[in-house]
C-alpha cells in the first residue's frame, strides 16, 4: 500500500486540536500531511472529518489522498458548491 507508519504519532492530541483551527487553512493542511504519515483510528477519523467538512478544497483533497494512501478507497470529495 502506501508509505505510512501503523500507529499514532506522539503529538496526536495536538494534531487533533490543530485540525479544528478556523484561523488558518494552511495549518489544517499541515495537519493532514502529518496525519497522512500515521495510520490509526484517530488519524482516519480526523482525515474523514476534514474531507467532509472543511471549506477549503486543497485541505479536502489532501485528506482524500491520505485516506486513499491508507487503502480507504471509498472516500470521495464532496461536490463543489456553486457560487
PDB file of N, CA and C in Angstrom:
ATOM      1  N   UNK A   1       0.843  -1.205   0.000  1.00  0.00           N
ATOM      2  CA  UNK A   1       0.000   0.000   0.000  1.00  0.00           C
ATOM      3  C   UNK A   1       0.874   1.248   0.000  1.00  0.00           C
ATOM      4  N   UNK A   2       0.493   2.186   0.857  1.00  0.00           N
ATOM      5  CA  UNK A   2       1.166   3.470   0.865  1.00  0.00           C
ATOM      6  C   UNK A   2       2.363   3.522   1.792  1.00  0.00           C
ATOM      7  N   UNK A   3       2.900   4.687   1.890  1.00  0.00           N
ATOM      8  CA  UNK A   3       4.079   4.923   2.710  1.00  0.00           C
ATOM      9  C   UNK A   3       3.638   5.620   4.000  1.00  0.00           C
ATOM     10  N   UNK A   4       3.394   4.845   5.034  1.00  0.00           N
ATOM     11  CA  UNK A   4       2.942   5.375   6.317  1.00  0.00           C
ATOM     12  C   UNK A   4       3.349   4.415   7.422  1.00  0.00           C
ATOM     13  N   UNK A   5       3.212   4.870   8.656  1.00  0.00           N
ATOM     14  CA  UNK A   5       3.513   4.060   9.828  1.00  0.00           C
ATOM     15  C   UNK A   5       2.206   3.689  10.512  1.00  0.00           C
ATOM     16  N   UNK A   6       2.074   2.426  10.885  1.00  0.00           N
ATOM     17  CA  UNK A   6       0.902   1.996  11.661  1.00  0.00           C
ATOM     18  C   UNK A   6       1.058   2.533  13.078  1.00  0.00           C
ATOM     19  N   UNK A   7       0.008   3.127  13.609  1.00  0.00           N
ATOM     20  CA  UNK A   7       0.046   3.656  14.967  1.00  0.00           C
ATOM     21  C   UNK A   7      -0.145   5.157  14.968  1.00  0.00           C
ATOM     22  N   UNK A   8      -0.191   5.705  16.167  1.00  0.00           N
ATOM     23  CA  UNK A   8      -0.465   7.138  16.335  1.00  0.00           C
ATOM     24  C   UNK A   8       0.832   7.902  16.609  1.00  0.00           C
ATOM     25  N   UNK A   9       0.912   9.127  16.088  1.00  0.00           N
ATOM     26  CA  UNK A   9       2.073   9.955  16.423  1.00  0.00           C
ATOM     27  C   UNK A   9       1.997  10.384  17.889  1.00  0.00           C
ATOM     28  N   UNK A  10       3.148  10.714  18.456  1.00  0.00           N
ATOM     29  CA  UNK A  10       3.181  11.126  19.863  1.00  0.00           C
ATOM     30  C   UNK A  10       2.363  12.392  20.107  1.00  0.00           C
ATOM     31  N   UNK A  11       2.277  13.252  19.107  1.00  0.00           N
ATOM     32  CA  UNK A  11       1.576  14.527  19.263  1.00  0.00           C
ATOM     33  C   UNK A  11       0.156  14.491  18.690  1.00  0.00           C
ATOM     34  N   UNK A  12      -0.494  13.335  18.742  1.00  0.00           N
ATOM     35  CA  UNK A  12      -1.828  13.188  18.156  1.00  0.00           C
ATOM     36  C   UNK A  12      -2.839  14.167  18.754  1.00  0.00           C
ATOM     37  N   UNK A  13      -2.768  14.401  20.052  1.00  0.00           N
ATOM     38  CA  UNK A  13      -3.734  15.314  20.696  1.00  0.00           C
ATOM     39  C   UNK A  13      -3.578  16.726  20.126  1.00  0.00           C
ATOM     40  N   UNK A  14      -2.340  17.168  19.974  1.00  0.00           N
ATOM     41  CA  UNK A  14      -2.084  18.492  19.412  1.00  0.00           C
ATOM     42  C   UNK A  14      -2.546  18.563  17.952  1.00  0.00           C
ATOM     43  N   UNK A  15      -2.314  17.507  17.191  1.00  0.00           N
ATOM     44  CA  UNK A  15      -2.737  17.498  15.790  1.00  0.00           C
ATOM     45  C   UNK A  15      -4.257  17.553  15.665  1.00  0.00           C
ATOM     46  N   UNK A  16      -4.947  16.812  16.518  1.00  0.00           N
ATOM     47  CA  UNK A  16      -6.411  16.841  16.505  1.00  0.00           C
ATOM     48  C   UNK A  16      -6.905  18.252  16.821  1.00  0.00           C
ATOM     49  N   UNK A  17      -6.282  18.891  17.803  1.00  0.00           N
ATOM     50  CA  UNK A  17      -6.665  20.265  18.163  1.00  0.00           C
ATOM     51  C   UNK A  17      -6.422  21.215  16.988  1.00  0.00           C
ATOM     52  N   UNK A  18      -5.263  21.099  16.368  1.00  0.00           N
ATOM     53  CA  UNK A  18      -4.928  21.979  15.240  1.00  0.00           C
ATOM     54  C   UNK A  18      -5.850  21.748  14.048  1.00  0.00           C
ATOM     55  N   UNK A  19      -6.364  20.528  13.905  1.00  0.00           N
ATOM     56  CA  UNK A  19      -7.247  20.225  12.771  1.00  0.00           C
ATOM     57  C   UNK A  19      -8.552  21.010  12.854  1.00  0.00           C
ATOM     58  N   UNK A  20      -8.868  21.503  14.031  1.00  0.00           N
ATOM     59  CA  UNK A  20     -10.108  22.266  14.241  1.00  0.00           C
ATOM     60  C   UNK A  20      -9.909  23.764  14.081  1.00  0.00           C
ATOM     61  N   UNK A  21      -8.699  24.193  13.754  1.00  0.00           N
ATOM     62  CA  UNK A  21      -8.386  25.617  13.621  1.00  0.00           C
ATOM     63  C   UNK A  21      -9.223  26.254  12.521  1.00  0.00           C
ATOM     64  N   UNK A  22      -9.889  27.317  12.853  1.00  0.00           N
ATOM     65  CA  UNK A  22     -10.661  28.063  11.861  1.00  0.00           C
ATOM     66  C   UNK A  22      -9.856  29.246  11.343  1.00  0.00           C
ATOM     67  N   UNK A  23      -8.692  29.483  11.941  1.00  0.00           N
ATOM     68  CA  UNK A  23      -7.871  30.643  11.603  1.00  0.00           C
ATOM     69  C   UNK A  23      -7.069  30.411  10.327  1.00  0.00           C
ATOM     70  N   UNK A  24      -6.474  29.227  10.201  1.00  0.00           N
ATOM     71  CA  UNK A  24      -5.534  29.004   9.107  1.00  0.00           C
ATOM     72  C   UNK A  24      -5.795  27.682   8.394  1.00  0.00           C
ATOM     73  N   UNK A  25      -6.179  27.765   7.132  1.00  0.00           N
ATOM     74  CA  UNK A  25      -6.357  26.542   6.353  1.00  0.00           C
ATOM     75  C   UNK A  25      -5.004  25.877   6.109  1.00  0.00           C
ATOM     76  N   UNK A  26      -3.934  26.683   6.078  1.00  0.00           N
ATOM     77  CA  UNK A  26      -2.596  26.120   5.868  1.00  0.00           C
ATOM     78  C   UNK A  26      -2.202  25.233   7.056  1.00  0.00           C
ATOM     79  N   UNK A  27      -2.589  25.649   8.262  1.00  0.00           N
ATOM     80  CA  UNK A  27      -2.307  24.834   9.449  1.00  0.00           C
ATOM     81  C   UNK A  27      -3.064  23.511   9.370  1.00  0.00           C
ATOM     82  N   UNK A  28      -4.311  23.560   8.900  1.00  0.00           N
ATOM     83  CA  UNK A  28      -5.097  22.324   8.759  1.00  0.00           C
ATOM     84  C   UNK A  28      -4.474  21.414   7.701  1.00  0.00           C
ATOM     85  N   UNK A  29      -3.983  22.009   6.630  1.00  0.00           N
ATOM     86  CA  UNK A  29      -3.350  21.200   5.579  1.00  0.00           C
ATOM     87  C   UNK A  29      -2.065  20.553   6.105  1.00  0.00           C
ATOM     88  N   UNK A  30      -1.306  21.276   6.910  1.00  0.00           N
ATOM     89  CA  UNK A  30      -0.107  20.694   7.528  1.00  0.00           C
ATOM     90  C   UNK A  30      -0.479  19.519   8.425  1.00  0.00           C
ATOM     91  N   UNK A  31      -1.593  19.649   9.147  1.00  0.00           N
ATOM     92  CA  UNK A  31      -2.074  18.554   9.990  1.00  0.00           C
ATOM     93  C   UNK A  31      -2.400  17.340   9.125  1.00  0.00           C
ATOM     94  N   UNK A  32      -3.080  17.572   8.007  1.00  0.00           N
ATOM     95  CA  UNK A  32      -3.426  16.477   7.100  1.00  0.00           C
ATOM     96  C   UNK A  32      -2.159  15.774   6.621  1.00  0.00           C
ATOM     97  N   UNK A  33      -1.167  16.567   6.237  1.00  0.00           N
ATOM     98  CA  UNK A  33       0.081  15.984   5.748  1.00  0.00           C
ATOM     99  C   UNK A  33       0.770  15.155   6.836  1.00  0.00           C
ATOM    100  N   UNK A  34       0.743  15.629   8.071  1.00  0.00           N
ATOM    101  CA  UNK A  34       1.362  14.884   9.175  1.00  0.00           C
ATOM    102  C   UNK A  34       0.558  13.628   9.510  1.00  0.00           C
ATOM    103  N   UNK A  35      -0.770  13.762   9.598  1.00  0.00           N
ATOM    104  CA  UNK A  35      -1.604  12.601   9.921  1.00  0.00           C
ATOM    105  C   UNK A  35      -1.535  11.551   8.817  1.00  0.00           C
ATOM    106  N   UNK A  36      -1.282  11.985   7.595  1.00  0.00           N
ATOM    107  CA  UNK A  36      -1.165  11.055   6.481  1.00  0.00           C
ATOM    108  C   UNK A  36       0.030  10.124   6.597  1.00  0.00           C
ATOM    109  N   UNK A  37       0.922  10.430   7.508  1.00  0.00           N
ATOM    110  CA  UNK A  37       2.097   9.582   7.739  1.00  0.00           C
ATOM    111  C   UNK A  37       1.827   8.505   8.788  1.00  0.00           C
ATOM    112  N   UNK A  38       0.685   8.611   9.485  1.00  0.00           N
ATOM    113  CA  UNK A  38       0.381   7.734  10.619  1.00  0.00           C
ATOM    114  C   UNK A  38      -1.012   7.150  10.463  1.00  0.00           C
ATOM    115  N   UNK A  39      -1.109   5.855  10.306  1.00  0.00           N
ATOM    116  CA  UNK A  39      -2.421   5.220  10.178  1.00  0.00           C
ATOM    117  C   UNK A  39      -2.862   4.677  11.529  1.00  0.00           C
ATOM    118  N   UNK A  40      -3.867   5.342  12.095  1.00  0.00           N
ATOM    119  CA  UNK A  40      -4.503   4.890  13.329  1.00  0.00           C
ATOM    120  C   UNK A  40      -5.949   5.373  13.268  1.00  0.00           C
ATOM    121  N   UNK A  41      -6.775   4.912  14.170  1.00  0.00           N
ATOM    122  CA  UNK A  41      -8.186   5.283  14.155  1.00  0.00           C
ATOM    123  C   UNK A  41      -8.373   6.795  14.235  1.00  0.00           C
ATOM    124  N   UNK A  42      -7.619   7.455  15.123  1.00  0.00           N
ATOM    125  CA  UNK A  42      -7.776   8.909  15.270  1.00  0.00           C
ATOM    126  C   UNK A  42      -7.389   9.643  13.988  1.00  0.00           C
ATOM    127  N   UNK A  43      -6.299   9.226  13.357  1.00  0.00           N
ATOM    128  CA  UNK A  43      -5.885   9.871  12.110  1.00  0.00           C
ATOM    129  C   UNK A  43      -6.968   9.724  11.051  1.00  0.00           C
ATOM    130  N   UNK A  44      -7.473   8.513  10.887  1.00  0.00           N
ATOM    131  CA  UNK A  44      -8.505   8.259   9.889  1.00  0.00           C
ATOM    132  C   UNK A  44      -9.748   9.087  10.195  1.00  0.00           C
ATOM    133  N   UNK A  45     -10.166   9.140  11.459  1.00  0.00           N
ATOM    134  CA  UNK A  45     -11.355   9.911  11.837  1.00  0.00           C
ATOM    135  C   UNK A  45     -11.191  11.400  11.513  1.00  0.00           C
ATOM    136  N   UNK A  46     -10.025  11.958  11.863  1.00  0.00           N
ATOM    137  CA  UNK A  46      -9.779  13.387  11.608  1.00  0.00           C
ATOM    138  C   UNK A  46      -9.745  13.649  10.103  1.00  0.00           C
ATOM    139  N   UNK A  47      -9.064  12.784   9.364  1.00  0.00           N
ATOM    140  CA  UNK A  47      -8.986  12.967   7.911  1.00  0.00           C
ATOM    141  C   UNK A  47     -10.363  12.867   7.261  1.00  0.00           C
ATOM    142  N   UNK A  48     -11.172  11.918   7.697  1.00  0.00           N
ATOM    143  CA  UNK A  48     -12.523  11.793   7.144  1.00  0.00           C
ATOM    144  C   UNK A  48     -13.367  13.018   7.484  1.00  0.00           C
ATOM    145  N   UNK A  49     -13.221  13.534   8.690  1.00  0.00           N
ATOM    146  CA  UNK A  49     -13.963  14.722   9.083  1.00  0.00           C
ATOM    147  C   UNK A  49     -13.554  15.931   8.232  1.00  0.00           C
ATOM    148  N   UNK A  50     -12.248  16.118   8.050  1.00  0.00           N
ATOM    149  CA  UNK A  50     -11.786  17.243   7.234  1.00  0.00           C
ATOM    150  C   UNK A  50     -12.221  17.083   5.780  1.00  0.00           C
ATOM    151  N   UNK A  51     -12.211  15.868   5.289  1.00  0.00           N
ATOM    152  CA  UNK A  51     -12.663  15.619   3.923  1.00  0.00           C
ATOM    153  C   UNK A  51     -14.115  16.048   3.752  1.00  0.00           C
ATOM    154  N   UNK A  52     -14.950  15.737   4.733  1.00  0.00           N
ATOM    155  CA  UNK A  52     -16.388  16.029   4.636  1.00  0.00           C
ATOM    156  C   UNK A  52     -16.740  17.471   4.959  1.00  0.00           C
ATOM    157  N   UNK A  53     -16.002  18.096   5.882  1.00  0.00           N
ATOM    158  CA  UNK A  53     -16.475  19.372   6.417  1.00  0.00           C
ATOM    159  C   UNK A  53     -15.613  20.588   6.116  1.00  0.00           C
ATOM    160  N   UNK A  54     -14.356  20.400   5.714  1.00  0.00           N
ATOM    161  CA  UNK A  54     -13.505  21.570   5.511  1.00  0.00           C
ATOM    162  C   UNK A  54     -14.010  22.378   4.323  1.00  0.00           C
ATOM    163  N   UNK A  55     -13.900  23.684   4.431  1.00  0.00           N
ATOM    164  CA  UNK A  55     -14.389  24.583   3.386  1.00  0.00           C
ATOM    165  C   UNK A  55     -13.342  24.810   2.292  1.00  0.00           C
ATOM    166  N   UNK A  56     -12.089  24.411   2.538  1.00  0.00           N
ATOM    167  CA  UNK A  56     -11.005  24.663   1.601  1.00  0.00           C
ATOM    168  C   UNK A  56     -10.721  23.391   0.804  1.00  0.00           C
ATOM    169  N   UNK A  57     -10.842  23.508  -0.514  1.00  0.00           N
ATOM    170  CA  UNK A  57     -10.699  22.342  -1.392  1.00  0.00           C
ATOM    171  C   UNK A  57      -9.339  21.662  -1.231  1.00  0.00           C
ATOM    172  N   UNK A  58      -8.262  22.431  -1.128  1.00  0.00           N
ATOM    173  CA  UNK A  58      -6.932  21.805  -1.049  1.00  0.00           C
ATOM    174  C   UNK A  58      -6.770  20.985   0.238  1.00  0.00           C
ATOM    175  N   UNK A  59      -7.435  21.383   1.306  1.00  0.00           N
ATOM    176  CA  UNK A  59      -7.414  20.593   2.545  1.00  0.00           C
ATOM    177  C   UNK A  59      -8.207  19.305   2.327  1.00  0.00           C
ATOM    178  N   UNK A  60      -9.381  19.415   1.712  1.00  0.00           N
ATOM    179  CA  UNK A  60     -10.199  18.236   1.420  1.00  0.00           C
ATOM    180  C   UNK A  60      -9.436  17.253   0.526  1.00  0.00           C
ATOM    181  N   UNK A  61      -8.804  17.795  -0.504  1.00  0.00           N
ATOM    182  CA  UNK A  61      -8.100  16.950  -1.465  1.00  0.00           C
ATOM    183  C   UNK A  61      -6.913  16.234  -0.803  1.00  0.00           C
ATOM    184  N   UNK A  62      -6.177  16.956   0.029  1.00  0.00           N
ATOM    185  CA  UNK A  62      -5.049  16.346   0.745  1.00  0.00           C
ATOM    186  C   UNK A  62      -5.549  15.241   1.681  1.00  0.00           C
ATOM    187  N   UNK A  63      -6.677  15.472   2.336  1.00  0.00           N
ATOM    188  CA  UNK A  63      -7.265  14.450   3.213  1.00  0.00           C
ATOM    189  C   UNK A  63      -7.661  13.218   2.397  1.00  0.00           C
ATOM    190  N   UNK A  64      -8.261  13.439   1.240  1.00  0.00           N
ATOM    191  CA  UNK A  64      -8.643  12.334   0.365  1.00  0.00           C
ATOM    192  C   UNK A  64      -7.423  11.514  -0.042  1.00  0.00           C
ATOM    193  N   UNK A  65      -6.358  12.189  -0.444  1.00  0.00           N
ATOM    194  CA  UNK A  65      -5.143  11.492  -0.850  1.00  0.00           C
ATOM    195  C   UNK A  65      -4.569  10.666   0.299  1.00  0.00           C
ATOM    196  N   UNK A  66      -4.575  11.216   1.504  1.00  0.00           N
ATOM    197  CA  UNK A  66      -4.071  10.481   2.666  1.00  0.00           C
ATOM    198  C   UNK A  66      -4.909   9.242   2.941  1.00  0.00           C
ATOM    199  N   UNK A  67      -6.223   9.393   2.878  1.00  0.00           N
ATOM    200  CA  UNK A  67      -7.113   8.252   3.117  1.00  0.00           C
ATOM    201  C   UNK A  67      -6.898   7.171   2.059  1.00  0.00           C
ATOM    202  N   UNK A  68      -6.760   7.581   0.809  1.00  0.00           N
ATOM    203  CA  UNK A  68      -6.527   6.604  -0.252  1.00  0.00           C
ATOM    204  C   UNK A  68      -5.172   5.917  -0.069  1.00  0.00           C
ATOM    205  N   UNK A  69      -4.191   6.659   0.403  1.00  0.00           N
ATOM    206  CA  UNK A  69      -2.883   6.091   0.702  1.00  0.00           C
ATOM    207  C   UNK A  69      -2.987   5.007   1.779  1.00  0.00           C
ATOM    208  N   UNK A  70      -3.924   5.184   2.705  1.00  0.00           N
ATOM    209  CA  UNK A  70      -4.161   4.202   3.767  1.00  0.00           C
ATOM    210  C   UNK A  70      -4.937   2.988   3.252  1.00  0.00           C
ATOM    211  N   UNK A  71      -5.392   3.045   1.996  1.00  0.00           N
ATOM    212  CA  UNK A  71      -6.171   1.939   1.439  1.00  0.00           C
ATOM    213  C   UNK A  71      -7.669   2.125   1.597  1.00  0.00           C
ATOM    214  N   UNK A  72      -8.085   3.318   1.975  1.00  0.00           N
ATOM    215  CA  UNK A  72      -9.508   3.620   2.132  1.00  0.00           C
ATOM    216  C   UNK A  72      -9.979   4.250   0.814  1.00  0.00           C
ATOM    217  N   UNK A  73     -10.462   3.394  -0.079  1.00  0.00           N
ATOM    218  CA  UNK A  73     -10.772   3.848  -1.433  1.00  0.00           C
ATOM    219  C   UNK A  73     -12.234   4.251  -1.633  1.00  0.00           C
ATOM    220  N   UNK A  74     -13.055   4.125  -0.606  1.00  0.00           N
ATOM    221  CA  UNK A  74     -14.446   4.548  -0.744  1.00  0.00           C
ATOM    222  C   UNK A  74     -14.635   6.014  -0.355  1.00  0.00           C
ATOM    223  N   UNK A  75     -13.553   6.695   0.033  1.00  0.00           N
ATOM    224  CA  UNK A  75     -13.632   8.124   0.377  1.00  0.00           C
ATOM    225  C   UNK A  75     -13.836   8.922  -0.901  1.00  0.00           C
ATOM    226  N   UNK A  76     -14.675   9.933  -0.842  1.00  0.00           N
ATOM    227  CA  UNK A  76     -14.982  10.769  -2.005  1.00  0.00           C
ATOM    228  C   UNK A  76     -14.979  12.233  -1.595  1.00  0.00           C
ATOM    229  N   UNK A  77     -14.564  13.076  -2.535  1.00  0.00           N
ATOM    230  CA  UNK A  77     -14.655  14.514  -2.313  1.00  0.00           C
ATOM    231  C   UNK A  77     -16.108  14.929  -2.347  1.00  0.00           C
ATOM    232  N   UNK A  78     -16.507  15.841  -1.464  1.00  0.00           N
ATOM    233  CA  UNK A  78     -17.862  16.371  -1.560  1.00  0.00           C
ATOM    234  C   UNK A  78     -18.003  17.162  -2.852  1.00  0.00           C
ATOM    235  N   UNK A  79     -19.216  17.287  -3.335  1.00  0.00           N
ATOM    236  CA  UNK A  79     -19.443  18.082  -4.537  1.00  0.00           C
ATOM    237  C   UNK A  79     -19.125  19.538  -4.239  1.00  0.00           C
ATOM    238  N   UNK A  80     -18.502  20.192  -5.208  1.00  0.00           N
ATOM    239  CA  UNK A  80     -18.207  21.615  -5.045  1.00  0.00           C
ATOM    240  C   UNK A  80     -19.515  22.383  -5.094  1.00  0.00           C
ATOM    241  N   UNK A  81     -19.615  23.378  -4.209  1.00  0.00           N
ATOM    242  CA  UNK A  81     -20.813  24.202  -4.176  1.00  0.00           C
ATOM    243  C   UNK A  81     -20.697  25.283  -5.246  1.00  0.00           C
ATOM    244  N   UNK A  82     -21.776  25.505  -5.936  1.00  0.00           N
ATOM    245  CA  UNK A  82     -21.792  26.557  -6.962  1.00  0.00           C
ATOM    246  C   UNK A  82     -21.810  27.914  -6.292  1.00  0.00           C
ATOM    247  N   UNK A  83     -21.105  28.893  -6.891  1.00  0.00           N
ATOM    248  CA  UNK A  83     -21.103  30.231  -6.293  1.00  0.00           C
ATOM    249  C   UNK A  83     -22.435  30.914  -6.396  1.00  0.00           C
TER     250      UNK A  83
END
